[in-house]
Amino acid sequence: MVMLASMSPKAIAEVWEATGDILNKHNIPHTRKTLGALLEEEHLHSLLQKLNAAVGSSTCNPYRMRLTNAN
C-alpha cells in the first residue's frame, strides 16, 4: 500500500512504525489532519517519497502520468 496525501500522520505512524522518525525529523505533528492539509505541495511530494521509500512502497505522480500518456 502506498501512503497518500489524504492520509493523516497519526494513521501513517500507527500502520508503518518506520515512518515515525521521518515524520518527527520533518516536524510533522502526529495529528488526524491529512498530510495534504498540513503541507504545501512541494514539501508534500518530497515527504511522501521519503515515507514510501522507508517502507518499500512505490510512489506515483498522477500529474506526470497524464503528461506521459497524453498523445
N, C-alpha and C. Protein backbone atom coordinates (compact mmCIF):
# COMPACT_ATOMS: atom_id res chain seq x y z
N MET A 1 0.85 -1.18 0.00
CA MET A 1 0.00 0.00 0.00
C MET A 1 0.89 1.24 0.00
N VAL A 2 0.46 2.24 -0.70
CA VAL A 2 1.21 3.48 -0.84
C VAL A 2 0.60 4.55 0.05
N MET A 3 1.45 5.32 0.70
CA MET A 3 0.97 6.44 1.51
C MET A 3 0.58 7.59 0.58
N LEU A 4 -0.52 8.24 0.93
CA LEU A 4 -1.07 9.31 0.10
C LEU A 4 -1.28 10.59 0.90
N ALA A 5 -1.46 11.70 0.21
CA ALA A 5 -1.69 13.00 0.85
C ALA A 5 -2.97 13.01 1.67
N SER A 6 -3.89 12.12 1.35
CA SER A 6 -5.17 12.07 2.06
C SER A 6 -5.09 11.32 3.38
N MET A 7 -3.91 10.84 3.73
CA MET A 7 -3.73 10.10 4.99
C MET A 7 -3.18 11.03 6.06
N SER A 8 -3.51 10.71 7.31
CA SER A 8 -3.02 11.52 8.43
C SER A 8 -1.69 10.97 8.94
N PRO A 9 -0.84 11.85 9.47
CA PRO A 9 0.42 11.39 10.05
C PRO A 9 0.19 10.40 11.19
N LYS A 10 -0.87 10.61 11.95
CA LYS A 10 -1.18 9.70 13.06
C LYS A 10 -1.44 8.29 12.54
N ALA A 11 -2.26 8.17 11.52
CA ALA A 11 -2.57 6.86 10.94
C ALA A 11 -1.33 6.23 10.29
N ILE A 12 -0.56 7.04 9.60
CA ILE A 12 0.65 6.54 8.94
C ILE A 12 1.61 5.95 9.96
N ALA A 13 1.86 6.69 11.03
CA ALA A 13 2.80 6.23 12.07
C ALA A 13 2.29 4.98 12.78
N GLU A 14 0.98 4.85 12.91
CA GLU A 14 0.42 3.67 13.56
C GLU A 14 0.56 2.42 12.69
N VAL A 15 0.39 2.58 11.39
CA VAL A 15 0.46 1.44 10.48
C VAL A 15 1.90 1.10 10.11
N TRP A 16 2.70 2.11 9.84
CA TRP A 16 4.09 1.92 9.43
C TRP A 16 5.01 2.54 10.48
N GLU A 17 5.47 1.75 11.41
CA GLU A 17 6.32 2.26 12.51
C GLU A 17 7.59 2.93 12.00
N ALA A 18 8.11 2.47 10.89
CA ALA A 18 9.36 3.03 10.35
C ALA A 18 9.23 4.49 9.93
N THR A 19 8.01 4.99 9.83
CA THR A 19 7.81 6.37 9.38
C THR A 19 7.86 7.39 10.51
N GLY A 20 7.76 6.94 11.73
CA GLY A 20 7.73 7.86 12.87
C GLY A 20 8.91 8.80 12.93
N ASP A 21 10.11 8.26 12.73
CA ASP A 21 11.32 9.10 12.78
C ASP A 21 11.33 10.13 11.66
N ILE A 22 10.87 9.74 10.48
CA ILE A 22 10.83 10.67 9.35
C ILE A 22 9.86 11.80 9.63
N LEU A 23 8.68 11.47 10.13
CA LEU A 23 7.70 12.50 10.47
C LEU A 23 8.25 13.45 11.53
N ASN A 24 8.90 12.89 12.54
CA ASN A 24 9.48 13.73 13.60
C ASN A 24 10.59 14.62 13.06
N LYS A 25 11.44 14.07 12.19
CA LYS A 25 12.55 14.83 11.62
C LYS A 25 12.04 16.05 10.84
N HIS A 26 10.89 15.90 10.22
CA HIS A 26 10.30 16.99 9.43
C HIS A 26 9.29 17.82 10.23
N ASN A 27 9.28 17.60 11.54
CA ASN A 27 8.40 18.34 12.45
C ASN A 27 6.92 18.24 12.06
N ILE A 28 6.52 17.06 11.63
CA ILE A 28 5.13 16.82 11.28
C ILE A 28 4.41 16.32 12.52
N PRO A 29 3.40 17.02 12.99
CA PRO A 29 2.68 16.58 14.19
C PRO A 29 1.88 15.31 13.92
N HIS A 30 1.81 14.45 14.91
CA HIS A 30 1.04 13.20 14.79
C HIS A 30 -0.42 13.53 15.07
N THR A 31 -1.06 14.09 14.06
CA THR A 31 -2.43 14.57 14.16
C THR A 31 -3.32 13.81 13.20
N ARG A 32 -4.62 14.04 13.29
CA ARG A 32 -5.57 13.40 12.37
C ARG A 32 -5.80 14.20 11.10
N LYS A 33 -5.22 15.40 11.03
CA LYS A 33 -5.31 16.18 9.79
C LYS A 33 -4.51 15.46 8.72
N THR A 34 -4.93 15.58 7.48
CA THR A 34 -4.22 14.90 6.40
C THR A 34 -2.89 15.60 6.10
N LEU A 35 -1.98 14.84 5.51
CA LEU A 35 -0.71 15.44 5.11
C LEU A 35 -0.95 16.57 4.11
N GLY A 36 -1.93 16.39 3.24
CA GLY A 36 -2.26 17.42 2.26
C GLY A 36 -2.71 18.72 2.89
N ALA A 37 -3.36 18.63 4.04
CA ALA A 37 -3.82 19.82 4.75
C ALA A 37 -2.68 20.47 5.54
N LEU A 38 -1.67 19.70 5.87
CA LEU A 38 -0.58 20.20 6.71
C LEU A 38 0.58 20.80 5.91
N LEU A 39 0.77 20.34 4.68
CA LEU A 39 1.97 20.70 3.93
C LEU A 39 1.66 21.35 2.59
N GLU A 40 2.59 22.18 2.13
CA GLU A 40 2.50 22.73 0.78
C GLU A 40 2.89 21.64 -0.20
N GLU A 41 2.41 21.75 -1.42
CA GLU A 41 2.59 20.70 -2.42
C GLU A 41 4.03 20.25 -2.61
N GLU A 42 4.98 21.18 -2.73
CA GLU A 42 6.37 20.79 -2.98
C GLU A 42 6.95 19.99 -1.82
N HIS A 43 6.61 20.34 -0.60
CA HIS A 43 7.09 19.60 0.56
C HIS A 43 6.35 18.27 0.71
N LEU A 44 5.09 18.29 0.36
CA LEU A 44 4.26 17.10 0.46
C LEU A 44 4.80 15.98 -0.43
N HIS A 45 5.09 16.28 -1.67
CA HIS A 45 5.58 15.27 -2.61
C HIS A 45 6.90 14.67 -2.12
N SER A 46 7.80 15.53 -1.67
CA SER A 46 9.09 15.07 -1.17
C SER A 46 8.93 14.17 0.06
N LEU A 47 8.08 14.58 0.99
CA LEU A 47 7.85 13.78 2.19
C LEU A 47 7.23 12.44 1.85
N LEU A 48 6.25 12.43 0.96
CA LEU A 48 5.62 11.17 0.57
C LEU A 48 6.62 10.22 -0.07
N GLN A 49 7.54 10.74 -0.86
CA GLN A 49 8.58 9.90 -1.46
C GLN A 49 9.44 9.27 -0.37
N LYS A 50 9.84 10.06 0.62
CA LYS A 50 10.68 9.54 1.71
C LYS A 50 9.93 8.51 2.54
N LEU A 51 8.68 8.80 2.86
CA LEU A 51 7.89 7.87 3.67
C LEU A 51 7.69 6.55 2.94
N ASN A 52 7.31 6.62 1.68
CA ASN A 52 7.07 5.40 0.91
C ASN A 52 8.36 4.61 0.70
N ALA A 53 9.47 5.30 0.47
CA ALA A 53 10.75 4.62 0.31
C ALA A 53 11.14 3.89 1.59
N ALA A 54 10.84 4.48 2.73
CA ALA A 54 11.21 3.88 4.02
C ALA A 54 10.51 2.55 4.27
N VAL A 55 9.35 2.37 3.67
CA VAL A 55 8.60 1.12 3.88
C VAL A 55 8.57 0.24 2.63
N GLY A 56 9.31 0.64 1.60
CA GLY A 56 9.39 -0.17 0.39
C GLY A 56 8.21 -0.06 -0.54
N SER A 57 7.45 1.04 -0.43
CA SER A 57 6.32 1.26 -1.34
C SER A 57 6.76 2.19 -2.46
N SER A 58 6.19 2.00 -3.62
CA SER A 58 6.49 2.90 -4.73
C SER A 58 5.54 4.08 -4.67
N THR A 59 5.92 5.16 -5.31
CA THR A 59 5.05 6.32 -5.36
C THR A 59 4.64 6.57 -6.79
N CYS A 60 3.57 7.24 -6.97
CA CYS A 60 3.04 7.53 -8.29
C CYS A 60 2.63 9.00 -8.32
N ASN A 61 3.02 9.69 -9.36
CA ASN A 61 2.62 11.08 -9.54
C ASN A 61 1.61 11.13 -10.68
N PRO A 62 0.30 11.24 -10.35
CA PRO A 62 -0.73 11.23 -11.39
C PRO A 62 -0.54 12.34 -12.42
N TYR A 63 -0.01 13.49 -12.01
CA TYR A 63 0.20 14.59 -12.95
C TYR A 63 1.20 14.18 -14.02
N ARG A 64 2.30 13.56 -13.60
CA ARG A 64 3.30 13.10 -14.56
C ARG A 64 2.73 12.01 -15.46
N MET A 65 1.90 11.15 -14.93
CA MET A 65 1.30 10.09 -15.74
C MET A 65 0.43 10.70 -16.84
N ARG A 66 -0.32 11.74 -16.52
CA ARG A 66 -1.17 12.38 -17.52
C ARG A 66 -0.33 12.97 -18.63
N LEU A 67 0.79 13.61 -18.27
CA LEU A 67 1.65 14.21 -19.28
C LEU A 67 2.28 13.13 -20.15
N THR A 68 2.72 12.05 -19.53
CA THR A 68 3.38 10.98 -20.25
C THR A 68 2.42 10.26 -21.18
N ASN A 69 1.19 10.06 -20.74
CA ASN A 69 0.22 9.29 -21.52
C ASN A 69 -0.58 10.13 -22.50
N ALA A 70 -0.36 11.43 -22.51
CA ALA A 70 -1.12 12.30 -23.42
C ALA A 70 -0.47 12.27 -24.79
N ASN A 71 -1.14 11.68 -25.74
CA ASN A 71 -0.61 11.62 -27.12
C ASN A 71 -1.59 12.21 -28.08
